[in-house]
Amino acid sequence: MELDDELCLCFHVSRRKIENFIQRTKPQRASQLSECLGAGTGCGWCRPFLKRLWQRAQTSPTSVHEDPATVAIEAVSANEYARQRADYRQQQDEQKS
């Protein structure tokens, strides 16, 4: 996934926006990433990815996007990420039924 790809598909928040938000505001908890345009407050699919980005920023004094090993999300294309989210949402819908 590239920096300008959407990480939070519900609210169209890019990975770059999240990483810049982390650098700028230095949130104390991963849940505070929701202050970045509502990221993570929709379907919930992106929450594990948001948490990993936040955790990585806590352990590394360098910029999150300077390190190519930030999270496994780099290895996933935007299309594959969206497909996995669609599967996740379908499973959530089936559990509600």
Protein backbone atom coordinates (compact mmCIF):
# COMPACT_ATOMS: atom_id res chain seq x y z
CA MET A 1 0.00 0.00 0.00
CA GLU A 2 1.35 3.38 -1.01
CA LEU A 3 1.27 6.49 1.17
CA ASP A 4 -1.55 8.08 -0.81
CA ASP A 5 -3.78 4.97 -0.78
CA GLU A 6 -6.76 5.05 1.55
CA LEU A 7 -6.19 3.28 4.84
CA CYS A 8 -9.63 4.07 6.26
CA LEU A 9 -11.97 3.28 3.41
CA CYS A 10 -15.10 4.37 5.28
CA PHE A 11 -13.89 7.95 5.69
CA HIS A 12 -11.35 8.06 2.83
CA VAL A 13 -8.33 8.73 5.04
CA SER A 14 -5.00 8.02 3.38
CA ARG A 15 -2.07 6.32 5.00
CA ARG A 16 -0.07 9.53 4.49
CA LYS A 17 -2.65 11.55 6.47
CA ILE A 18 -2.51 9.06 9.33
CA GLU A 19 1.28 9.03 9.42
CA ASN A 20 1.50 12.82 9.28
CA PHE A 21 -1.13 13.03 12.04
CA ILE A 22 0.98 10.69 14.19
CA GLN A 23 4.12 12.77 13.62
CA ARG A 24 2.38 16.08 14.19
CA THR A 25 0.18 15.31 17.21
CA LYS A 26 2.08 12.42 18.84
CA PRO A 27 -1.07 10.72 20.18
CA GLN A 28 -0.71 8.92 23.50
CA ARG A 29 -3.07 6.10 22.49
CA ALA A 30 -3.85 4.40 19.21
CA SER A 31 -7.53 5.23 19.72
CA GLN A 32 -6.67 8.92 19.36
CA LEU A 33 -6.05 8.30 15.66
CA SER A 34 -9.83 8.60 15.29
CA GLU A 35 -9.25 12.35 15.62
CA CYS A 36 -7.72 12.20 12.15
CA LEU A 37 -10.87 12.62 10.06
CA GLY A 38 -12.69 9.82 11.92
CA ALA A 39 -10.25 7.08 10.93
CA GLY A 40 -11.17 3.74 12.47
CA THR A 41 -14.66 4.74 13.58
CA GLY A 42 -16.58 3.14 10.71
CA CYS A 43 -16.57 -0.58 10.00
CA GLY A 44 -13.44 -1.26 12.08
CA TRP A 45 -11.40 -2.94 9.35
CA CYS A 46 -8.51 -0.46 9.54
CA ARG A 47 -8.14 -0.46 13.34
CA PRO A 48 -5.41 -3.15 13.47
CA PHE A 49 -3.45 -1.28 10.79
CA LEU A 50 -3.87 2.03 12.60
CA LYS A 51 -2.69 0.42 15.81
CA ARG A 52 0.40 -1.01 14.11
CA LEU A 53 1.30 2.38 12.63
CA TRP A 54 0.86 4.00 16.04
CA GLN A 55 2.91 1.29 17.79
CA ARG A 56 5.69 1.63 15.25
CA ALA A 57 5.83 5.38 15.85
CA GLN A 58 6.12 4.75 19.60
CA THR A 59 9.15 2.48 19.21
CA SER A 60 10.98 4.41 16.51
CA PRO A 61 12.21 7.97 16.78
CA THR A 62 12.32 8.20 12.98
CA SER A 63 9.46 9.02 10.68
CA VAL A 64 7.00 6.19 10.21
CA HIS A 65 7.17 6.40 6.45
CA GLU A 66 10.98 6.46 6.36
CA ASP A 67 11.02 2.83 7.47
CA PRO A 68 9.87 0.43 4.75
CA ALA A 69 9.26 -2.26 7.37
CA THR A 70 6.68 -0.17 9.22
CA VAL A 71 3.87 -2.70 8.88
CA ALA A 72 2.91 -5.52 6.58
CA ILE A 73 0.55 -3.08 4.92
CA GLU A 74 3.33 -2.01 2.57
CA ALA A 75 3.19 -5.44 0.96
CA VAL A 76 -0.53 -5.18 0.19
CA SER A 77 -1.81 -3.36 -2.87
CA ALA A 78 -4.68 -0.91 -2.48
CA ASN A 79 -6.92 -3.25 -4.49
CA GLU A 80 -6.07 -6.26 -2.32
CA TYR A 81 -6.61 -4.19 0.83
CA ALA A 82 -10.05 -3.13 -0.43
CA ARG A 83 -10.90 -6.73 -1.35
CA GLN A 84 -9.92 -7.97 2.12
CA ARG A 85 -12.05 -5.23 3.67
CA ALA A 86 -15.03 -6.28 1.53
CA ASP A 87 -14.60 -9.85 2.81
CA TYR A 88 -14.38 -8.55 6.37
CA ARG A 89 -17.56 -6.49 5.99
CA GLN A 90 -19.41 -9.43 4.45
CA GLN A 91 -18.42 -11.61 7.41
CA GLN A 92 -19.59 -8.89 9.81
CA ASP A 93 -22.94 -8.68 8.00
CA GLU A 94 -23.35 -12.48 8.11
CA GLN A 95 -22.65 -12.53 11.86
CA LYS A 96 -25.37 -9.96 12.41
CA SER A 97 -27.91 -12.09 10.55
